[in-house]
């Protein structure tokens, strides 16, 4: 499982640098709330658990209402923004600069969340069947080479 986390961290880091203004990406499980993978441009590792907990709390609260939460945007006192996007089995949280382009970033992050959710599901199946390692590596490689904007 550690290997899967390392690969997902590389995918997050690769995508994080494709969208201008994103400083941190955190992928958590909807079911357990555990951090699956995280990547940060700066030394802010202590922030990862706090952001993951906030994002998971938002998901849990949305489950108590009639309307599910698809995504949310928070602005901290520092001006940084937190995008939280709900995928099928995962929650993608990103911490962004105050100057980040909200609409474009949200659009790309929603698409990325759909892709990373598929990869996560495949990775879970692969953990059960070690014979699919090569197939999984190909999927991670194709996502990291995604034709996303080089600098939105």
Protein backbone atom coordinates (compact mmCIF):
# COMPACT_ATOMS: atom_id res chain seq x y z
CA UNK A 1 0.00 0.00 0.00
CA UNK A 2 2.94 2.33 0.64
CA UNK A 3 3.98 1.95 -3.00
CA UNK A 4 0.51 3.01 -4.16
CA UNK A 5 0.70 6.09 -1.91
CA UNK A 6 4.10 7.03 -3.36
CA UNK A 7 2.80 6.73 -6.92
CA UNK A 8 -0.29 8.79 -6.11
CA UNK A 9 1.91 11.44 -4.48
CA UNK A 10 3.93 11.69 -7.70
CA UNK A 11 0.72 12.05 -9.71
CA UNK A 12 -0.51 14.78 -7.35
CA UNK A 13 2.81 16.60 -7.51
CA UNK A 14 2.87 16.42 -11.30
CA UNK A 15 -0.64 17.83 -11.58
CA UNK A 16 -0.05 20.43 -8.88
CA UNK A 17 2.62 22.06 -11.05
CA UNK A 18 0.31 22.11 -14.10
CA UNK A 19 -2.14 24.56 -12.52
CA UNK A 20 -0.68 27.91 -11.48
CA UNK A 21 -1.22 28.86 -7.85
CA UNK A 22 -1.76 25.43 -6.29
CA UNK A 23 0.53 24.89 -3.32
CA UNK A 24 -0.78 21.67 -1.82
CA UNK A 25 -2.91 18.69 -2.92
CA UNK A 26 -4.35 16.14 -0.52
CA UNK A 27 -6.26 13.00 -1.46
CA UNK A 28 -8.36 11.41 1.28
CA UNK A 29 -10.69 8.45 1.46
CA UNK A 30 -14.39 9.26 1.87
CA UNK A 31 -14.92 6.06 3.80
CA UNK A 32 -12.14 6.23 6.38
CA UNK A 33 -11.13 9.89 6.19
CA UNK A 34 -7.49 8.78 6.01
CA UNK A 35 -4.98 10.63 3.88
CA UNK A 36 -4.23 8.46 0.85
CA UNK A 37 -1.58 10.73 -0.64
CA UNK A 38 -0.44 14.33 -0.38
CA UNK A 39 1.99 16.66 -2.07
CA UNK A 40 3.12 20.13 -1.08
CA UNK A 41 5.33 22.75 -2.74
CA UNK A 42 6.37 24.16 0.62
CA UNK A 43 7.22 22.70 3.99
CA UNK A 44 3.71 22.58 5.41
CA UNK A 45 3.31 18.92 6.26
CA UNK A 46 1.54 19.73 9.55
CA UNK A 47 -1.19 21.38 7.50
CA UNK A 48 -2.04 18.17 5.61
CA UNK A 49 -3.91 16.46 8.45
CA UNK A 50 -5.83 19.65 9.29
CA UNK A 51 -6.95 20.19 5.70
CA UNK A 52 -7.88 16.51 5.34
CA UNK A 53 -9.93 16.65 8.55
CA UNK A 54 -11.75 19.81 7.41
CA UNK A 55 -12.53 18.32 4.01
CA UNK A 56 -13.78 15.07 5.50
CA UNK A 57 -15.95 16.98 7.97
CA UNK A 58 -17.53 18.87 5.06
CA UNK A 59 -18.25 15.57 3.34
CA UNK A 60 -19.79 14.08 6.49
CA UNK A 61 -21.97 17.17 7.01
CA UNK A 62 -23.17 17.06 3.41
CA UNK A 63 -24.26 13.46 3.91
CA UNK A 64 -26.61 14.61 6.66
CA UNK A 65 -28.49 16.90 4.27
CA UNK A 66 -30.76 16.20 1.34
CA UNK A 67 -28.30 17.77 -1.07
CA UNK A 68 -24.85 16.28 -1.41
CA UNK A 69 -21.79 18.49 -1.61
CA UNK A 70 -20.02 18.35 -4.96
CA UNK A 71 -17.33 20.92 -4.22
CA UNK A 72 -16.58 23.82 -1.92
CA UNK A 73 -14.29 26.81 -1.81
CA UNK A 74 -13.09 28.41 1.42
CA UNK A 75 -10.95 31.47 1.85
CA UNK A 76 -8.65 31.61 4.86
CA UNK A 77 -7.69 34.83 6.68
CA UNK A 78 -4.35 34.69 4.82
CA UNK A 79 -6.22 34.91 1.50
CA UNK A 80 -5.33 31.34 0.54
CA UNK A 81 -8.19 29.26 -0.83
CA UNK A 82 -9.16 25.68 -0.12
CA UNK A 83 -10.87 23.80 -2.94
CA UNK A 84 -12.56 20.60 -1.82
CA UNK A 85 -13.90 18.37 -4.58
CA UNK A 86 -15.79 15.16 -3.88
CA UNK A 87 -15.03 12.22 -6.13
CA UNK A 88 -16.64 8.79 -6.07
CA UNK A 89 -14.49 7.27 -3.31
CA UNK A 90 -12.07 10.13 -2.72
CA UNK A 91 -11.93 13.77 -1.68
CA UNK A 92 -9.39 16.02 -3.38
CA UNK A 93 -8.39 19.07 -1.37
CA UNK A 94 -6.14 21.78 -2.74
CA UNK A 95 -4.68 24.80 -1.00
CA UNK A 96 -4.15 27.68 -3.46
CA UNK A 97 -2.63 31.15 -3.60
CA UNK A 98 -4.93 34.12 -3.08
CA UNK A 99 -4.52 35.04 -6.76
CA UNK A 100 -5.57 31.65 -8.20
CA UNK A 101 -8.13 31.74 -11.03
CA UNK A 102 -11.18 30.17 -9.37
CA UNK A 103 -13.22 29.07 -12.39
CA UNK A 104 -10.46 27.55 -14.47
CA UNK A 105 -8.78 25.88 -11.50
CA UNK A 106 -12.08 24.39 -10.32
CA UNK A 107 -12.81 23.01 -13.79
CA UNK A 108 -9.40 21.30 -14.09
CA UNK A 109 -9.52 20.00 -10.54
CA UNK A 110 -12.97 18.45 -11.07
CA UNK A 111 -11.67 16.62 -14.15
CA UNK A 112 -8.57 15.52 -12.27
CA UNK A 113 -10.68 14.26 -9.35
CA UNK A 114 -12.69 12.06 -11.73
CA UNK A 115 -9.46 10.63 -13.15
CA UNK A 116 -7.75 10.09 -9.80
CA UNK A 117 -10.88 8.38 -8.45
CA UNK A 118 -10.71 5.85 -11.30
CA UNK A 119 -7.03 5.28 -10.60
CA UNK A 120 -7.70 4.85 -6.89
CA UNK A 121 -10.38 2.22 -7.58
CA UNK A 122 -8.00 0.38 -9.92
CA UNK A 123 -5.24 0.61 -7.32
CA UNK A 124 -7.50 -0.90 -4.67
CA UNK A 125 -8.25 -3.82 -6.97
CA UNK A 126 -4.55 -4.20 -7.74
CA UNK A 127 -3.71 -4.51 -4.07
CA UNK A 128 -5.96 -7.57 -4.10
CA UNK A 129 -4.39 -8.95 -7.29
CA UNK A 130 -0.64 -8.33 -7.57
CA UNK A 131 -0.67 -9.51 -11.19
CA UNK A 132 -2.01 -6.14 -12.37
CA UNK A 133 1.05 -4.07 -11.34
CA UNK A 134 2.11 -3.32 -14.91
CA UNK A 135 -1.40 -2.28 -15.92
CA UNK A 136 -1.63 0.04 -12.89
CA UNK A 137 1.75 1.60 -13.67
CA UNK A 138 0.51 2.37 -17.19
CA UNK A 139 -2.61 4.05 -15.81
CA UNK A 140 -0.61 6.23 -13.40
CA UNK A 141 1.77 7.16 -16.19
CA UNK A 142 -1.06 8.18 -18.52
CA UNK A 143 -2.65 10.37 -15.83
CA UNK A 144 0.64 12.06 -15.00
CA UNK A 145 1.06 12.80 -18.71
CA UNK A 146 -2.50 14.17 -18.94
CA UNK A 147 -3.04 16.80 -21.63
CA UNK A 148 -4.01 19.38 -19.03
CA UNK A 149 -2.93 22.99 -19.32
CA UNK A 150 0.73 23.53 -18.81
CA UNK A 151 -0.02 26.58 -16.69
CA UNK A 152 -3.67 27.53 -16.36
